[in-house]
Amino acid sequence: MPRTLFVAPDQRGALPTIRDALEAADDGAVISIAPGDYPEPISITRQHVTLSARESGSVTISSPFPDQPVVSVTDARVELIGLKLTSEEHSAVRVRGGQVKIVECTATARFAPGIDVAGADRIEIRNSHITGSQYGIVVEESDGTIDRCEIREIADDGVIVRLGARIKVQHTTIAGCGFRGVYMYQAGDSSLDRCDVSQTGDAGIAVADQSSPTISTCWVHDTQGVGISVGRGCGGVIEDCRVENTAVPGIHLADGARAEIREGDPSRGKVPVGAVATTGNHQDLETVDKLLGELDGMIGLASVKAEVRGLIDEIQVNEWRRSEGLSVGTVSNHLVFAGAPGTGKTTVARIYGQLLKALGILPNGRFKEVSRRDLVGQYIGHTAEKAASAFEEARGGVLFIDEAYTLSRSSGSGADFGQEAIDTLVKLMEDHRDEVAVIVAGYTNEMAKFMDANPGLASRFNKTLVFENYSPEELVSISLHMARSDDYLLGEDLDVALLEWFAQMERDQNFGNAREARKLLERMRKAQSTRLRSLGHRPTRDDLRTLSLDDLLEAVRGTG
């Protein structure tokens, strides 16, 4: 079964180098790397492994040997997550065959391509930055996707797609290239979609030598050469693109070029492009208003309600910005709920999931609540399986992890399966960030320590919502609401007595808030049952519905 290996040169029990971890890795292993600099070239051949920074962006890997890439992949299945890869004379990442996914990485290769791919079955590069290199990304004879990347300050061409490659480049910003932004030759039916190409020394996008790409909804601007150039014998489609402040003509078709230029639907308005662009979503605003009304109807939680409304307002405004062609930053839907038990965290999480569904952010409002026992296994490999299974069940909705801080506590067995669950979840949150909202919940102090102890996890969360303890007055209102829901009434002066009782209760971290109100009502109903049975006659309907001061006194007897 796959397992997680830890690399930390100064940590007892961890492996000192990445190469040591690769030698020990079995099929599908995750290698979690502690923050630091690792001057060691990495060569991966015919393995299936994931190299992940414990904290995204905190791990720098370099090659001390000029003639070797930083990471070399040959006929392997590899994922690189959150790494900084720096090289001088060779590529930061060199791929020859296999399947490679590069997520949230930074690649720099001063005199070579930042990422160089050939003959790969599948390449996926997402949310990554390639900068300060001779070339940005070079792909040949490979299929794959370049999604939401930034390629800047490149000496030559930003992206080269060539020799049978079939690549989809989307939502990507390419700027500050010494020659061309994108160069395609013998690239078949590759595509560019919603890309921002600017500040190039020559053409923004150049298509040559039997290529027939689809170039749609792109913004090409501020280039020294023409915006888009299509060579003789090349076909494809150029659709709904903005070409501004380039050499004349903005779009140049050479004699014999077969490319079709299509104008976009003007009723759509401007369409956002670049690394931060996303597609529009259908919004059910009537349901949104209904759900916000349900949230407002909850007792207390003023600050939480304001925070949730602020998040919903931001999502709606972002949709309006998209419709006007303005850039929209990436917003995480993952949240931290901090507070004592019984403060409404689960209820708010359910409403939040339904709101995201109504706003078109999540496919459905599915709600999956789990705790440590649902995520952490008892042997190597079992944890990743359990965590992935729970995550899969929450796809399209909310994964709510109660008492999440327990994942970072050692079980005392010597195996850090809680950390393995965290690493698995961090990876899944990145791979499926548009499909699941993860909410981690627990006591305020413990959650703060949990997030501080796992900065890689902390970077995935957008905001912390603090659920304050209910006031005594709010607990009385909650008690009244619970009683009415169960078809009970509070007798004369019982509300005053409840206020006094809640006011004198000690509010340590084990104080249960609304749960205390529920437990108290249950004890009061039992006390009422005993009282009514002792009447000697059948009680009236009002007797059956009314909880009295005597019932409260009996319920709290011995609990003070």
Protein backbone atom coordinates (compact mmCIF):
# COMPACT_ATOMS: atom_id res chain seq x y z
CA MET A 1 0.00 0.00 0.00
CA PRO A 2 1.20 3.55 -0.69
CA ARG A 3 2.60 5.47 2.25
CA THR A 4 3.91 8.90 3.21
CA LEU A 5 7.65 9.45 3.71
CA PHE A 6 8.97 12.52 5.50
CA VAL A 7 12.12 14.40 4.50
CA ALA A 8 13.62 16.73 7.11
CA PRO A 9 17.40 16.84 7.56
CA ASP A 10 17.19 17.97 11.19
CA GLN A 11 14.24 15.88 12.36
CA ARG A 12 14.83 12.62 14.16
CA GLY A 13 13.12 9.72 12.41
CA ALA A 14 12.76 11.54 9.10
CA LEU A 15 14.82 10.92 6.00
CA PRO A 16 17.71 13.39 5.46
CA THR A 17 17.47 13.81 1.67
CA ILE A 18 14.90 13.55 -1.09
CA ARG A 19 17.03 10.96 -2.84
CA ASP A 20 16.93 8.79 0.29
CA ALA A 21 13.14 9.02 0.25
CA LEU A 22 12.98 8.07 -3.42
CA GLU A 23 15.08 4.99 -2.75
CA ALA A 24 12.71 3.95 0.05
CA ALA A 25 9.50 4.86 -1.78
CA ASP A 26 7.10 2.18 -2.90
CA ASP A 27 4.53 2.57 -5.66
CA GLY A 28 2.28 5.61 -5.14
CA ALA A 29 4.25 6.97 -2.18
CA VAL A 30 3.94 10.60 -1.11
CA ILE A 31 7.23 12.27 -0.14
CA SER A 32 6.46 15.19 2.18
CA ILE A 33 9.39 17.64 2.34
CA ALA A 34 10.06 19.98 5.26
CA PRO A 35 10.90 23.65 4.54
CA GLY A 36 14.49 24.30 3.49
CA ASP A 37 17.03 24.30 0.67
CA TYR A 38 17.89 20.99 -0.98
CA PRO A 39 20.93 21.21 -3.32
CA GLU A 40 20.46 17.78 -4.85
CA PRO A 41 19.46 16.84 -8.41
CA ILE A 42 16.42 14.55 -8.42
CA SER A 43 16.20 11.71 -10.93
CA ILE A 44 12.98 9.66 -11.06
CA THR A 45 12.81 6.68 -13.41
CA ARG A 46 9.88 4.27 -13.70
CA GLN A 47 8.45 5.21 -10.31
CA HIS A 48 5.03 6.41 -9.20
CA VAL A 49 5.62 9.08 -6.53
CA THR A 50 4.48 12.49 -5.32
CA LEU A 51 6.96 15.13 -4.10
CA SER A 52 5.11 17.69 -2.00
CA ALA A 53 6.35 20.65 0.04
CA ARG A 54 5.06 20.51 3.61
CA GLU A 55 4.46 24.24 3.20
CA SER A 56 3.86 25.41 -0.36
CA GLY A 57 6.75 27.54 -1.62
CA SER A 58 9.03 26.77 1.34
CA VAL A 59 11.08 24.04 -0.34
CA THR A 60 13.81 25.05 -2.81
CA ILE A 61 15.49 22.30 -4.82
CA SER A 62 18.53 23.09 -6.97
CA SER A 63 21.17 21.16 -8.84
CA PRO A 64 24.81 21.80 -7.91
CA PHE A 65 25.82 20.22 -11.22
CA PRO A 66 25.38 22.52 -14.26
CA ASP A 67 24.85 19.62 -16.67
CA GLN A 68 21.92 18.11 -14.76
CA PRO A 69 18.27 19.24 -14.48
CA VAL A 70 16.91 19.88 -11.02
CA VAL A 71 14.19 17.25 -11.51
CA SER A 72 14.54 14.67 -14.26
CA VAL A 73 11.59 12.35 -14.94
CA THR A 74 11.92 9.35 -17.25
CA ASP A 75 8.99 7.02 -17.97
CA ALA A 76 7.60 7.71 -14.51
CA ARG A 77 4.31 8.86 -12.98
CA VAL A 78 5.16 11.89 -10.86
CA GLU A 79 3.43 14.77 -9.11
CA LEU A 80 5.36 17.85 -7.97
CA ILE A 81 3.46 20.07 -5.54
CA GLY A 82 4.46 23.41 -4.00
CA LEU A 83 8.17 23.26 -4.91
CA LYS A 84 10.64 25.97 -5.97
CA LEU A 85 13.00 24.58 -8.60
CA THR A 86 16.02 26.65 -9.64
CA SER A 87 18.67 25.89 -12.23
CA GLU A 88 21.36 27.66 -14.23
CA GLU A 89 22.39 25.80 -17.38
CA HIS A 90 19.82 23.02 -17.53
CA SER A 91 16.03 22.76 -17.21
CA ALA A 92 14.39 23.04 -13.83
CA VAL A 93 12.13 20.12 -14.83
CA ARG A 94 12.96 17.72 -17.66
CA VAL A 95 10.38 15.07 -18.62
CA ARG A 96 10.97 12.23 -21.03
CA GLY A 97 7.97 9.92 -21.16
CA GLY A 98 5.47 9.00 -18.45
CA GLN A 99 2.85 11.18 -16.76
CA VAL A 100 3.70 14.31 -14.81
CA LYS A 101 1.57 16.77 -12.85
CA ILE A 102 3.15 20.05 -11.66
CA VAL A 103 1.03 22.07 -9.23
CA GLU A 104 1.83 25.34 -7.42
CA CYS A 105 5.49 25.15 -8.36
CA THR A 106 7.98 27.86 -9.34
CA ALA A 107 10.54 26.99 -12.02
CA THR A 108 13.59 29.07 -12.99
CA ALA A 109 16.30 28.01 -15.44
CA ARG A 110 18.54 30.86 -16.45
CA PHE A 111 19.97 29.40 -19.68
CA ALA A 112 17.42 26.66 -20.45
CA PRO A 113 13.66 25.98 -20.52
CA GLY A 114 11.99 26.22 -17.16
CA ILE A 115 10.01 23.07 -17.98
CA ASP A 116 11.06 20.82 -20.89
CA VAL A 117 8.72 17.97 -21.87
CA ALA A 118 9.02 15.39 -24.66
CA GLY A 119 7.25 12.11 -25.34
CA ALA A 120 5.05 12.24 -22.27
CA ASP A 121 1.77 10.34 -22.16
CA ARG A 122 0.26 13.19 -20.18
CA ILE A 123 1.52 16.48 -18.75
CA GLU A 124 -0.47 18.78 -16.50
CA ILE A 125 0.95 22.09 -15.25
CA ARG A 126 -1.36 24.12 -12.99
CA ASN A 127 -1.10 27.24 -10.87
CA SER A 128 2.64 27.41 -11.45
CA HIS A 129 5.09 30.24 -12.15
CA ILE A 130 7.89 30.02 -14.69
CA THR A 131 10.21 33.00 -14.64
CA GLY A 132 13.77 34.13 -15.40
CA SER A 133 14.43 31.35 -17.93
CA GLN A 134 15.71 31.12 -21.50
CA TYR A 135 12.38 29.56 -22.52
CA GLY A 136 9.29 29.16 -20.37
CA ILE A 137 7.64 25.82 -21.18
CA VAL A 138 8.65 23.63 -24.14
CA VAL A 139 6.42 20.66 -25.02
CA GLU A 140 6.77 18.19 -27.89
CA GLU A 141 5.13 14.87 -28.77
CA SER A 142 3.02 15.02 -25.61
CA ASP A 143 -0.63 15.54 -24.64
CA GLY A 144 -1.69 17.70 -21.75
CA THR A 145 -2.81 20.96 -20.16
CA ILE A 146 -1.20 24.19 -19.00
CA ASP A 147 -3.76 25.82 -16.70
CA ARG A 148 -3.73 29.04 -14.65
CA CYS A 149 0.01 29.53 -14.90
CA GLU A 150 2.13 32.68 -15.08
CA ILE A 151 5.12 32.76 -17.44
CA ARG A 152 7.10 35.99 -17.11
CA GLU A 153 10.50 37.55 -17.85
CA ILE A 154 11.56 34.95 -20.40
CA ALA A 155 14.60 35.64 -22.61
CA ASP A 156 13.17 33.91 -25.69
CA ASP A 157 9.75 32.27 -26.30
CA GLY A 158 7.32 31.93 -23.41
CA VAL A 159 5.60 28.71 -24.55
CA ILE A 160 6.70 26.43 -27.39
CA VAL A 161 4.30 23.69 -28.54
CA ARG A 162 5.83 21.60 -31.31
CA LEU A 163 6.31 18.35 -33.20
CA GLY A 164 3.05 16.52 -32.62
CA ALA A 165 2.24 17.95 -29.21
CA ARG A 166 -1.44 18.39 -28.38
CA ILE A 167 -1.61 20.89 -25.56
CA LYS A 168 -4.44 22.99 -24.16
CA VAL A 169 -3.18 26.25 -22.67
CA GLN A 170 -5.87 28.00 -20.66
CA HIS A 171 -6.31 30.84 -18.16
CA THR A 172 -2.58 31.55 -18.41
CA THR A 173 -0.66 34.84 -18.36
CA ILE A 174 2.43 35.13 -20.59
CA ALA A 175 4.29 38.45 -20.31
CA GLY A 176 7.74 39.96 -20.79
CA CYS A 177 9.15 37.56 -23.37
CA GLY A 178 12.17 38.57 -25.47
CA PHE A 179 10.82 36.91 -28.62
CA ARG A 180 7.31 35.40 -28.94
CA GLY A 181 4.76 34.74 -26.26
CA VAL A 182 3.50 31.46 -27.76
CA TYR A 183 5.10 29.64 -30.69
CA MET A 184 3.37 26.66 -32.28
CA TYR A 185 4.75 24.53 -35.07
CA GLN A 186 3.57 21.09 -36.13
CA ALA A 187 1.35 21.39 -33.09
CA GLY A 188 -1.75 19.82 -34.61
CA ASP A 189 -4.99 20.83 -32.92
CA SER A 190 -3.60 22.39 -29.75
CA SER A 191 -5.50 25.31 -28.26
CA LEU A 192 -5.21 28.58 -26.37
CA ASP A 193 -8.22 29.59 -24.28
CA ARG A 194 -8.64 32.70 -22.12
CA CYS A 195 -4.94 33.56 -22.09
CA ASP A 196 -3.33 36.97 -21.58
CA VAL A 197 -0.27 37.50 -23.81
CA SER A 198 1.63 40.80 -23.61
CA GLN A 199 4.97 42.64 -23.74
CA THR A 200 6.69 40.39 -26.27
CA GLY A 201 9.67 41.34 -28.45
CA ASP A 202 7.97 39.89 -31.53
CA ALA A 203 4.53 38.34 -32.18
CA GLY A 204 2.28 37.62 -29.25
CA ILE A 205 1.16 34.28 -30.73
CA ALA A 206 2.87 32.71 -33.76
CA VAL A 207 1.40 29.68 -35.59
CA ALA A 208 3.57 27.90 -38.15
CA ASP A 209 4.29 24.69 -40.06
CA GLN A 210 1.01 22.76 -40.43
CA SER A 211 -0.51 23.76 -37.08
CA SER A 212 -4.27 24.27 -36.78
CA PRO A 213 -4.93 25.50 -33.24
CA THR A 214 -8.06 26.96 -31.70
CA ILE A 215 -7.31 30.38 -30.20
CA SER A 216 -10.34 31.57 -28.26
CA THR A 217 -11.16 34.42 -25.91
CA CYS A 218 -7.55 35.54 -25.58
CA TRP A 219 -6.24 39.06 -24.95
CA VAL A 220 -3.07 39.88 -26.88
CA HIS A 221 -1.70 43.35 -26.23
CA ASP A 222 1.37 45.59 -26.04
CA THR A 223 3.56 43.49 -28.34
CA GLN A 224 6.42 44.67 -30.56
CA GLY A 225 5.27 42.38 -33.37
CA VAL A 226 1.78 41.55 -34.62
CA GLY A 227 -0.69 40.22 -32.10
CA ILE A 228 -1.39 36.86 -33.79
CA SER A 229 0.52 35.52 -36.78
CA VAL A 230 -0.66 32.48 -38.81
CA GLY A 231 1.76 31.01 -41.35
CA ARG A 232 1.19 29.54 -44.79
CA GLY A 233 -0.69 26.24 -44.81
CA CYS A 234 -1.85 26.63 -41.22
CA GLY A 235 -5.52 26.43 -40.25
CA GLY A 236 -7.53 26.55 -37.07
CA VAL A 237 -9.89 29.10 -35.57
CA ILE A 238 -9.31 32.51 -33.97
CA GLU A 239 -12.45 33.35 -32.04
CA ASP A 240 -13.57 36.17 -29.75
CA CYS A 241 -10.03 37.51 -29.15
CA ARG A 242 -9.02 41.06 -28.20
CA VAL A 243 -5.89 42.33 -29.95
CA GLU A 244 -4.76 45.77 -28.77
CA ASN A 245 -1.67 47.99 -29.07
CA THR A 246 0.32 45.63 -31.29
CA ALA A 247 2.12 46.03 -34.59
CA VAL A 248 -0.15 46.30 -37.64
CA PRO A 249 -2.06 44.19 -38.52
CA GLY A 250 -3.25 42.90 -35.19
CA ILE A 251 -3.96 39.50 -36.74
CA HIS A 252 -1.78 38.56 -39.72
CA LEU A 253 -2.72 35.67 -42.02
CA ALA A 254 0.04 34.77 -44.48
CA ASP A 255 -0.81 33.89 -48.08
CA GLY A 256 -2.17 30.36 -48.08
CA ALA A 257 -3.19 30.40 -44.41
CA ARG A 258 -6.55 28.71 -43.81
CA ALA A 259 -7.35 30.00 -40.31
CA GLU A 260 -10.91 31.20 -39.72
CA ILE A 261 -11.47 34.41 -37.75
CA ARG A 262 -14.75 34.58 -35.87
CA GLU A 263 -16.15 37.51 -33.98
CA GLY A 264 -17.58 36.80 -30.54
CA ASP A 265 -21.16 37.40 -29.47
CA PRO A 266 -21.25 41.10 -28.46
CA SER A 267 -24.06 40.40 -25.99
CA ARG A 268 -21.59 38.47 -23.84
CA GLY A 269 -19.61 41.57 -23.01
CA LYS A 270 -15.93 41.39 -22.23
CA VAL A 271 -14.61 38.03 -21.16
CA PRO A 272 -11.86 37.78 -18.53
CA VAL A 273 -8.57 36.19 -19.49
CA GLY A 274 -5.31 35.29 -17.81
CA ALA A 275 -4.17 33.19 -14.91
CA VAL A 276 -6.95 34.33 -12.59
CA ALA A 277 -9.89 33.88 -14.95
CA THR A 278 -12.63 31.33 -14.41
CA THR A 279 -15.85 30.48 -16.14
CA GLY A 280 -19.11 32.06 -15.11
CA ASN A 281 -21.62 30.31 -12.86
CA HIS A 282 -25.40 30.22 -12.73
CA GLN A 283 -26.73 31.85 -9.59
CA ASP A 284 -30.07 31.16 -7.90
CA LEU A 285 -30.40 34.47 -6.08
CA GLU A 286 -33.85 33.66 -4.70
CA THR A 287 -32.43 30.63 -2.89
CA VAL A 288 -29.44 32.71 -1.75
CA ASP A 289 -31.78 35.23 -0.11
CA LYS A 290 -33.77 32.43 1.52
CA LEU A 291 -30.64 30.81 2.94
CA LEU A 292 -29.28 34.13 4.22
CA GLY A 293 -32.64 34.65 5.93
CA GLU A 294 -32.27 31.24 7.55
CA LEU A 295 -28.80 32.24 8.72
CA ASP A 296 -30.11 35.52 10.12
CA GLY A 297 -32.79 33.57 11.99
CA MET A 298 -30.16 31.76 14.05
CA ILE A 299 -29.78 33.08 17.57
CA GLY A 300 -26.61 35.10 18.24
CA LEU A 301 -23.51 34.65 16.03
CA ALA A 302 -23.50 38.28 14.85
CA SER A 303 -19.85 38.26 13.74
CA VAL A 304 -20.17 34.89 12.00
CA LYS A 305 -23.25 36.05 10.10
CA ALA A 306 -21.41 39.17 8.99
CA GLU A 307 -18.40 37.12 7.82
CA VAL A 308 -20.56 34.69 5.83
CA ARG A 309 -22.46 37.58 4.23
CA GLY A 310 -19.14 39.18 3.33
CA LEU A 311 -17.99 35.97 1.62
CA ILE A 312 -21.25 35.70 -0.32
CA ASP A 313 -21.07 39.38 -1.32
CA GLU A 314 -17.53 38.84 -2.63
CA ILE A 315 -18.60 35.87 -4.74
CA GLN A 316 -21.48 37.81 -6.27
CA VAL A 317 -19.34 40.87 -7.01
CA ASN A 318 -16.68 38.65 -8.59
CA GLU A 319 -19.33 37.32 -10.98
CA TRP A 320 -20.28 40.89 -11.93
CA ARG A 321 -16.60 41.70 -12.51
CA ARG A 322 -16.23 38.67 -14.77
CA SER A 323 -19.21 39.79 -16.85
CA GLU A 324 -17.45 43.14 -17.40
CA GLY A 325 -14.16 41.57 -18.42
CA LEU A 326 -12.34 42.56 -15.23
CA SER A 327 -9.78 40.33 -13.55
CA VAL A 328 -10.87 38.27 -10.57
CA GLY A 329 -8.48 36.86 -8.01
CA THR A 330 -8.62 33.22 -7.00
CA VAL A 331 -10.77 32.82 -3.87
CA SER A 332 -10.61 29.74 -1.66
CA ASN A 333 -13.91 28.33 -0.40
CA HIS A 334 -12.21 26.44 2.44
CA LEU A 335 -12.79 27.81 5.95
CA VAL A 336 -11.74 27.36 9.57
CA PHE A 337 -14.53 27.38 12.18
CA ALA A 338 -13.11 28.05 15.65
CA GLY A 339 -15.17 27.84 18.83
CA ALA A 340 -16.57 25.62 21.57
CA PRO A 341 -19.02 22.77 20.87
CA GLY A 342 -22.66 23.72 20.53
CA THR A 343 -22.05 27.17 19.03
CA GLY A 344 -23.71 26.47 15.68
CA LYS A 345 -20.66 25.48 13.61
CA THR A 346 -22.27 22.46 11.96
CA THR A 347 -25.50 24.32 11.15
CA VAL A 348 -23.62 27.26 9.61
CA ALA A 349 -21.46 24.85 7.60
CA ARG A 350 -24.57 23.24 6.12
CA ILE A 351 -26.03 26.63 5.17
CA TYR A 352 -22.69 27.72 3.70
CA GLY A 353 -22.62 24.64 1.47
CA GLN A 354 -26.15 25.32 0.26
CA LEU A 355 -25.19 28.95 -0.43
CA LEU A 356 -22.22 27.86 -2.55
CA LYS A 357 -24.52 25.54 -4.47
CA ALA A 358 -27.06 28.34 -5.05
CA LEU A 359 -24.27 30.63 -6.25
CA GLY A 360 -23.06 28.02 -8.76
CA ILE A 361 -19.72 27.56 -7.00
CA LEU A 362 -20.32 23.93 -6.00
CA PRO A 363 -22.24 21.32 -8.00
CA ASN A 364 -24.49 20.30 -5.09
CA GLY A 365 -25.07 20.91 -1.41
CA ARG A 366 -23.90 17.51 -0.19
CA PHE A 367 -22.67 17.66 3.42
CA LYS A 368 -20.22 15.11 4.80
CA GLU A 369 -19.20 15.36 8.47
CA VAL A 370 -16.14 13.43 9.63
CA SER A 371 -13.73 13.29 12.55
CA ARG A 372 -10.29 11.77 13.14
CA ARG A 373 -11.59 8.19 13.31
CA ASP A 374 -13.11 8.59 9.82
CA LEU A 375 -9.83 9.77 8.30
CA VAL A 376 -7.00 8.02 10.14
CA GLY A 377 -6.25 4.35 9.55
CA GLN A 378 -4.42 1.81 11.63
CA TYR A 379 -1.72 0.70 9.25
CA ILE A 380 0.42 2.15 6.47
CA GLY A 381 -1.65 3.07 3.46
CA HIS A 382 -4.99 2.74 5.24
CA THR A 383 -5.12 6.43 6.15
CA ALA A 384 -4.74 7.70 2.58
CA GLU A 385 -7.49 5.30 1.53
CA LYS A 386 -9.89 6.44 4.27
CA ALA A 387 -9.19 10.15 3.74
CA ALA A 388 -9.65 9.84 -0.03
CA SER A 389 -12.90 7.91 0.45
CA ALA A 390 -14.33 10.58 2.78
CA PHE A 391 -13.26 13.30 0.38
CA GLU A 392 -14.89 11.50 -2.55
CA GLU A 393 -18.19 11.24 -0.65
CA ALA A 394 -18.12 15.03 -0.14
CA ARG A 395 -17.40 15.83 -3.82
CA GLY A 396 -19.68 18.60 -4.99
CA GLY A 397 -20.40 19.85 -1.48
CA VAL A 398 -18.87 20.39 1.95
CA LEU A 399 -16.43 18.19 3.86
CA PHE A 400 -16.78 19.18 7.52
CA ILE A 401 -13.95 17.93 9.76
CA ASP A 402 -14.88 18.26 13.43
CA GLU A 403 -12.12 18.51 16.04
CA ALA A 404 -9.65 18.72 13.15
CA TYR A 405 -6.77 19.61 15.48
CA THR A 406 -6.70 15.97 16.64
CA LEU A 407 -5.16 15.07 13.28
CA SER A 408 -1.91 16.73 14.33
CA ARG A 409 -1.74 14.90 17.65
CA SER A 410 0.43 11.83 17.83
CA SER A 411 -1.41 8.64 18.73
CA GLY A 412 1.63 7.47 20.67
CA SER A 413 2.09 4.44 18.43
CA GLY A 414 5.09 5.92 16.66
CA ALA A 415 3.32 6.13 13.28
CA ASP A 416 2.19 9.61 12.31
CA PHE A 417 -1.01 8.60 10.51
CA GLY A 418 -2.70 11.89 11.40
CA GLN A 419 -0.04 13.76 9.44
CA GLU A 420 -0.60 11.37 6.55
CA ALA A 421 -4.30 12.30 6.60
CA ILE A 422 -3.39 16.00 6.52
CA ASP A 423 -1.01 15.50 3.57
CA THR A 424 -3.66 13.51 1.69
CA LEU A 425 -6.30 16.17 2.30
CA VAL A 426 -3.99 19.03 1.24
CA LYS A 427 -3.34 17.29 -2.07
CA LEU A 428 -7.02 16.51 -2.66
CA MET A 429 -8.01 20.08 -1.79
CA GLU A 430 -5.70 21.34 -4.52
CA ASP A 431 -6.68 18.74 -7.12
CA HIS A 432 -10.42 19.35 -6.59
CA ARG A 433 -10.54 22.90 -5.29
CA ASP A 434 -13.58 23.75 -7.46
CA GLU A 435 -15.54 20.69 -6.33
CA VAL A 436 -15.34 20.65 -2.53
CA ALA A 437 -15.37 23.21 0.27
CA VAL A 438 -13.41 21.87 3.25
CA ILE A 439 -14.30 23.28 6.67
CA VAL A 440 -12.12 22.34 9.64
CA ALA A 441 -13.60 22.99 13.08
CA GLY A 442 -12.59 22.84 16.73
CA TYR A 443 -11.75 24.78 19.87
CA THR A 444 -10.31 28.22 19.14
CA ASN A 445 -6.88 27.80 20.79
CA GLU A 446 -6.36 24.28 19.48
CA MET A 447 -7.29 25.28 15.92
CA ALA A 448 -4.86 28.21 16.02
CA LYS A 449 -2.05 25.86 17.09
CA PHE A 450 -3.14 23.32 14.47
CA MET A 451 -2.94 25.85 11.63
CA ASP A 452 0.39 27.24 12.89
CA ALA A 453 1.87 23.77 13.09
CA ASN A 454 0.83 22.96 9.52
CA PRO A 455 1.51 26.02 7.35
CA GLY A 456 1.05 24.03 4.15
CA LEU A 457 -2.48 23.29 5.32
CA ALA A 458 -3.02 26.84 6.54
CA SER A 459 -2.28 28.25 3.09
CA ARG A 460 -5.29 26.40 1.69
CA PHE A 461 -7.80 28.23 3.90
CA ASN A 462 -9.27 31.60 3.08
CA LYS A 463 -10.60 32.73 6.45
CA THR A 464 -11.20 31.80 10.08
CA LEU A 465 -14.67 32.33 11.54
CA VAL A 466 -14.72 32.55 15.34
CA PHE A 467 -17.90 31.26 17.01
CA GLU A 468 -18.25 33.03 20.34
CA ASN A 469 -19.99 31.45 23.33
CA TYR A 470 -23.67 32.30 23.60
CA SER A 471 -24.66 34.82 26.26
CA PRO A 472 -27.03 33.68 29.05
CA GLU A 473 -29.84 35.63 27.36
CA GLU A 474 -29.17 33.86 24.06
CA LEU A 475 -29.14 30.46 25.80
CA VAL A 476 -32.58 31.22 27.25
CA SER A 477 -33.82 32.07 23.74
CA ILE A 478 -32.30 28.84 22.43
CA SER A 479 -33.99 26.86 25.21
CA LEU A 480 -37.33 28.47 24.39
CA HIS A 481 -36.87 27.68 20.68
CA MET A 482 -35.96 24.04 21.42
CA ALA A 483 -38.93 23.65 23.76
CA ARG A 484 -41.37 25.04 21.20
CA SER A 485 -39.94 22.77 18.51
CA ASP A 486 -40.73 19.76 20.74
CA ASP A 487 -44.22 21.12 21.59
CA TYR A 488 -43.40 22.28 25.11
CA LEU A 489 -43.99 25.60 26.88
CA LEU A 490 -41.99 27.27 29.66
CA GLY A 491 -44.01 27.84 32.80
CA GLU A 492 -44.30 31.09 34.74
CA ASP A 493 -40.97 32.67 35.75
CA LEU A 494 -39.09 29.75 34.26
CA ASP A 495 -37.27 32.01 31.79
CA VAL A 496 -35.94 34.13 34.67
CA ALA A 497 -34.73 31.01 36.50
CA LEU A 498 -33.05 29.71 33.34
CA LEU A 499 -31.26 33.03 32.93
CA GLU A 500 -29.91 32.80 36.46
CA TRP A 501 -28.81 29.19 35.90
CA PHE A 502 -26.96 29.90 32.64
CA ALA A 503 -25.37 33.04 34.08
CA GLN A 504 -23.72 31.14 36.93
CA MET A 505 -22.40 28.26 34.80
CA GLU A 506 -18.63 28.09 34.39
CA ARG A 507 -17.60 28.70 30.77
CA ASP A 508 -14.39 26.73 30.32
CA GLN A 509 -13.53 25.04 27.01
CA ASN A 510 -15.77 22.09 27.97
CA PHE A 511 -18.81 24.32 28.31
CA GLY A 512 -21.31 23.00 25.75
CA ASN A 513 -23.34 26.11 24.90
CA ALA A 514 -26.47 25.04 22.97
CA ARG A 515 -25.71 21.44 23.87
CA GLU A 516 -25.99 22.41 27.54
CA ALA A 517 -29.41 23.87 26.82
CA ARG A 518 -30.48 20.68 25.08
CA LYS A 519 -29.23 18.44 27.91
CA LEU A 520 -30.96 20.62 30.48
CA LEU A 521 -34.28 20.41 28.63
CA GLU A 522 -33.97 16.62 28.46
CA ARG A 523 -33.47 16.45 32.23
CA MET A 524 -36.41 18.81 32.73
CA ARG A 525 -38.68 16.57 30.62
CA LYS A 526 -37.69 13.57 32.71
CA ALA A 527 -38.41 15.55 35.87
CA GLN A 528 -41.81 16.56 34.42
CA SER A 529 -42.64 12.93 33.64
CA THR A 530 -41.94 11.90 37.23
CA ARG A 531 -44.01 14.83 38.54
CA LEU A 532 -46.99 14.11 36.28
CA ARG A 533 -46.99 10.38 37.10
CA SER A 534 -47.29 11.25 40.79
CA LEU A 535 -50.44 13.38 40.34
CA GLY A 536 -52.78 10.45 40.81
CA HIS A 537 -54.89 11.42 37.75
CA ARG A 538 -54.47 11.89 34.03
CA PRO A 539 -52.80 15.27 33.35
CA THR A 540 -54.44 17.83 31.07
CA ARG A 541 -53.06 18.83 27.69
CA ASP A 542 -51.60 22.01 29.22
CA ASP A 543 -50.00 19.93 31.99
CA LEU A 544 -48.33 17.73 29.36
CA ARG A 545 -46.96 20.74 27.48
CA THR A 546 -45.75 22.89 30.38
CA LEU A 547 -42.32 22.67 32.00
CA SER A 548 -42.33 24.20 35.46
CA LEU A 549 -39.85 25.79 37.84
CA ASP A 550 -39.99 22.59 39.92
CA ASP A 551 -38.86 20.63 36.86
CA LEU A 552 -35.85 22.92 36.49
CA LEU A 553 -34.93 22.63 40.14
CA GLU A 554 -35.11 18.83 39.94
CA ALA A 555 -33.11 18.80 36.71
CA VAL A 556 -30.22 20.84 38.15
CA ARG A 557 -30.17 19.10 41.51
CA GLY A 558 -26.71 17.70 42.08
CA THR A 559 -25.25 19.37 38.94
CA GLY A 560 -24.17 22.66 40.48
